[in-house]
Amino acid sequence: MPLLEVTQTRQISASIRLTDTTATQVDQYAAFIHASADDVVEQALAYVFSKDREFQDFLKSPDTRQAASRLRIRRPSASEASEAHAKRPASVAQPVASAAGLKA
């Protein structure tokens, strides 16, 4: 039985680097659970974040506000943003990203 369950959420694009071995395993796990590689990475990180007690304590500390951003986030251009908005039906609410879909 897979350890991760994937639910659709609003996403941004970010650039990360993985070793060949990890990238291959992400691809294989995605095939195993019939999901995208993006979903595997998202849910795996949410699972780790929710289980790491020291990280949870860090999030509650003042150090969190002082931490510099290290993730390379790709901001969509104005045309990409309006195109994505046009594709989304107005009657569908966008769910908030959470670790609720994870199995303990």
C-alpha atoms as a PDB file:
ATOM      1  CA  MET A   1       0.000   0.000   0.000  1.00  0.00           C
ATOM      2  CA  PRO A   2       1.418   3.455  -0.886  1.00  0.00           C
ATOM      3  CA  LEU A   3       2.399   5.749   1.999  1.00  0.00           C
ATOM      4  CA  LEU A   4       1.216   8.868   0.146  1.00  0.00           C
ATOM      5  CA  GLU A   5      -2.207   9.910  -1.113  1.00  0.00           C
ATOM      6  CA  VAL A   6      -2.241  12.753  -3.616  1.00  0.00           C
ATOM      7  CA  THR A   7      -4.876  15.511  -3.738  1.00  0.00           C
ATOM      8  CA  GLN A   8      -5.024  18.437  -6.187  1.00  0.00           C
ATOM      9  CA  THR A   9      -3.803  21.788  -4.810  1.00  0.00           C
ATOM     10  CA  ARG A  10      -2.838  25.237  -6.089  1.00  0.00           C
ATOM     11  CA  GLN A  11       0.821  25.090  -7.090  1.00  0.00           C
ATOM     12  CA  ILE A  12       3.766  27.334  -7.898  1.00  0.00           C
ATOM     13  CA  SER A  13       6.855  26.420  -9.922  1.00  0.00           C
ATOM     14  CA  ALA A  14      10.187  26.090  -8.147  1.00  0.00           C
ATOM     15  CA  SER A  15      13.569  24.807  -9.225  1.00  0.00           C
ATOM     16  CA  ILE A  16      15.372  22.101  -7.241  1.00  0.00           C
ATOM     17  CA  ARG A  17      18.164  19.654  -7.997  1.00  0.00           C
ATOM     18  CA  LEU A  18      18.064  15.928  -7.251  1.00  0.00           C
ATOM     19  CA  THR A  19      20.624  13.178  -7.585  1.00  0.00           C
ATOM     20  CA  ASP A  20      20.082  10.745 -10.452  1.00  0.00           C
ATOM     21  CA  THR A  21      19.097   8.022  -7.990  1.00  0.00           C
ATOM     22  CA  THR A  22      16.526  10.181  -6.213  1.00  0.00           C
ATOM     23  CA  ALA A  23      15.052  11.456  -9.484  1.00  0.00           C
ATOM     24  CA  THR A  24      14.688   7.879 -10.723  1.00  0.00           C
ATOM     25  CA  GLN A  25      12.991   6.819  -7.493  1.00  0.00           C
ATOM     26  CA  VAL A  26      10.607   9.797  -7.642  1.00  0.00           C
ATOM     27  CA  ASP A  27       9.655   8.719 -11.168  1.00  0.00           C
ATOM     28  CA  GLN A  28       9.231   5.102 -10.094  1.00  0.00           C
ATOM     29  CA  TYR A  29       7.129   6.043  -7.048  1.00  0.00           C
ATOM     30  CA  ALA A  30       4.960   8.277  -9.229  1.00  0.00           C
ATOM     31  CA  ALA A  31       4.320   5.330 -11.549  1.00  0.00           C
ATOM     32  CA  PHE A  32       3.635   3.110  -8.528  1.00  0.00           C
ATOM     33  CA  ILE A  33       0.909   5.404  -7.152  1.00  0.00           C
ATOM     34  CA  HIS A  34      -0.330   6.617 -10.571  1.00  0.00           C
ATOM     35  CA  ALA A  35       0.510  10.274  -9.880  1.00  0.00           C
ATOM     36  CA  SER A  36       2.861  12.925 -11.199  1.00  0.00           C
ATOM     37  CA  ALA A  37       6.430  13.334  -9.976  1.00  0.00           C
ATOM     38  CA  ASP A  38       5.420  16.793  -8.716  1.00  0.00           C
ATOM     39  CA  ASP A  39       2.724  15.217  -6.545  1.00  0.00           C
ATOM     40  CA  VAL A  40       5.194  12.696  -5.108  1.00  0.00           C
ATOM     41  CA  VAL A  41       7.679  15.413  -4.123  1.00  0.00           C
ATOM     42  CA  GLU A  42       4.911  17.654  -2.705  1.00  0.00           C
ATOM     43  CA  GLN A  43       3.361  14.941  -0.558  1.00  0.00           C
ATOM     44  CA  ALA A  44       6.687  13.455   0.555  1.00  0.00           C
ATOM     45  CA  LEU A  45       7.858  16.862   1.782  1.00  0.00           C
ATOM     46  CA  ALA A  46       4.530  17.592   3.494  1.00  0.00           C
ATOM     47  CA  TYR A  47       4.800  14.210   5.244  1.00  0.00           C
ATOM     48  CA  VAL A  48       8.359  14.894   6.455  1.00  0.00           C
ATOM     49  CA  PHE A  49       7.464  18.418   7.607  1.00  0.00           C
ATOM     50  CA  SER A  50       4.470  17.159   9.583  1.00  0.00           C
ATOM     51  CA  LYS A  51       6.472  14.390  11.302  1.00  0.00           C
ATOM     52  CA  ASP A  52       9.605  16.382  12.228  1.00  0.00           C
ATOM     53  CA  ARG A  53       8.999  17.678  15.764  1.00  0.00           C
ATOM     54  CA  GLU A  54      12.128  19.859  15.791  1.00  0.00           C
ATOM     55  CA  PHE A  55      10.982  21.519  12.559  1.00  0.00           C
ATOM     56  CA  GLN A  56       7.526  22.113  14.051  1.00  0.00           C
ATOM     57  CA  ASP A  57       9.205  23.806  17.035  1.00  0.00           C
ATOM     58  CA  PHE A  58      11.339  25.890  14.656  1.00  0.00           C
ATOM     59  CA  LEU A  59       8.197  27.064  12.843  1.00  0.00           C
ATOM     60  CA  LYS A  60       6.847  28.396  16.150  1.00  0.00           C
ATOM     61  CA  SER A  61      10.079  30.258  16.977  1.00  0.00           C
ATOM     62  CA  PRO A  62      11.071  33.819  16.038  1.00  0.00           C
ATOM     63  CA  ASP A  63      13.886  32.302  13.923  1.00  0.00           C
ATOM     64  CA  THR A  64      11.298  31.374  11.295  1.00  0.00           C
ATOM     65  CA  ARG A  65      10.699  35.014  10.343  1.00  0.00           C
ATOM     66  CA  GLN A  66      14.435  35.665  10.021  1.00  0.00           C
ATOM     67  CA  ALA A  67      15.181  32.663   7.793  1.00  0.00           C
ATOM     68  CA  ALA A  68      16.230  33.663   4.288  1.00  0.00           C
ATOM     69  CA  SER A  69      14.398  32.077   1.380  1.00  0.00           C
ATOM     70  CA  ARG A  70      16.531  29.445  -0.342  1.00  0.00           C
ATOM     71  CA  LEU A  71      13.994  28.124  -2.833  1.00  0.00           C
ATOM     72  CA  ARG A  72      14.160  29.386  -6.415  1.00  0.00           C
ATOM     73  CA  ILE A  73      10.491  30.185  -7.121  1.00  0.00           C
ATOM     74  CA  ARG A  74       9.505  30.827 -10.721  1.00  0.00           C
ATOM     75  CA  ARG A  75       6.967  33.638 -10.933  1.00  0.00           C
ATOM     76  CA  PRO A  76       4.606  33.307 -13.910  1.00  0.00           C
ATOM     77  CA  SER A  77       4.587  36.103 -16.451  1.00  0.00           C
ATOM     78  CA  ALA A  78       1.426  38.216 -16.710  1.00  0.00           C
ATOM     79  CA  SER A  79       0.292  36.270 -19.797  1.00  0.00           C
ATOM     80  CA  GLU A  80       0.858  32.892 -18.085  1.00  0.00           C
ATOM     81  CA  ALA A  81      -1.052  34.024 -14.998  1.00  0.00           C
ATOM     82  CA  SER A  82      -4.045  35.277 -16.996  1.00  0.00           C
ATOM     83  CA  GLU A  83      -4.007  32.126 -19.161  1.00  0.00           C
ATOM     84  CA  ALA A  84      -4.038  29.879 -16.071  1.00  0.00           C
ATOM     85  CA  HIS A  85      -6.868  31.950 -14.568  1.00  0.00           C
ATOM     86  CA  ALA A  86      -8.892  31.679 -17.790  1.00  0.00           C
ATOM     87  CA  LYS A  87      -8.576  27.858 -17.799  1.00  0.00           C
ATOM     88  CA  ARG A  88      -9.936  27.543 -14.252  1.00  0.00           C
ATOM     89  CA  PRO A  89     -13.742  27.384 -13.935  1.00  0.00           C
ATOM     90  CA  ALA A  90     -15.030  30.234 -11.764  1.00  0.00           C
ATOM     91  CA  SER A  91     -17.308  27.906  -9.794  1.00  0.00           C
ATOM     92  CA  VAL A  92     -14.470  25.646  -8.599  1.00  0.00           C
ATOM     93  CA  ALA A  93     -12.805  26.618  -5.341  1.00  0.00           C
ATOM     94  CA  GLN A  94      -9.048  26.091  -5.191  1.00  0.00           C
ATOM     95  CA  PRO A  95      -8.084  23.836  -2.247  1.00  0.00           C
ATOM     96  CA  VAL A  96      -5.341  24.921   0.125  1.00  0.00           C
ATOM     97  CA  ALA A  97      -2.168  22.830   0.240  1.00  0.00           C
ATOM     98  CA  SER A  98      -2.035  20.678   3.354  1.00  0.00           C
ATOM     99  CA  ALA A  99      -0.710  17.420   4.701  1.00  0.00           C
ATOM    100  CA  ALA A 100      -4.273  16.179   5.340  1.00  0.00           C
ATOM    101  CA  GLY A 101      -4.043  13.624   2.556  1.00  0.00           C
ATOM    102  CA  LEU A 102      -1.153  11.808   4.211  1.00  0.00           C
ATOM    103  CA  LYS A 103      -1.304   8.473   5.951  1.00  0.00           C
ATOM    104  CA  ALA A 104       0.415   8.191   9.312  1.00  0.00           C
END
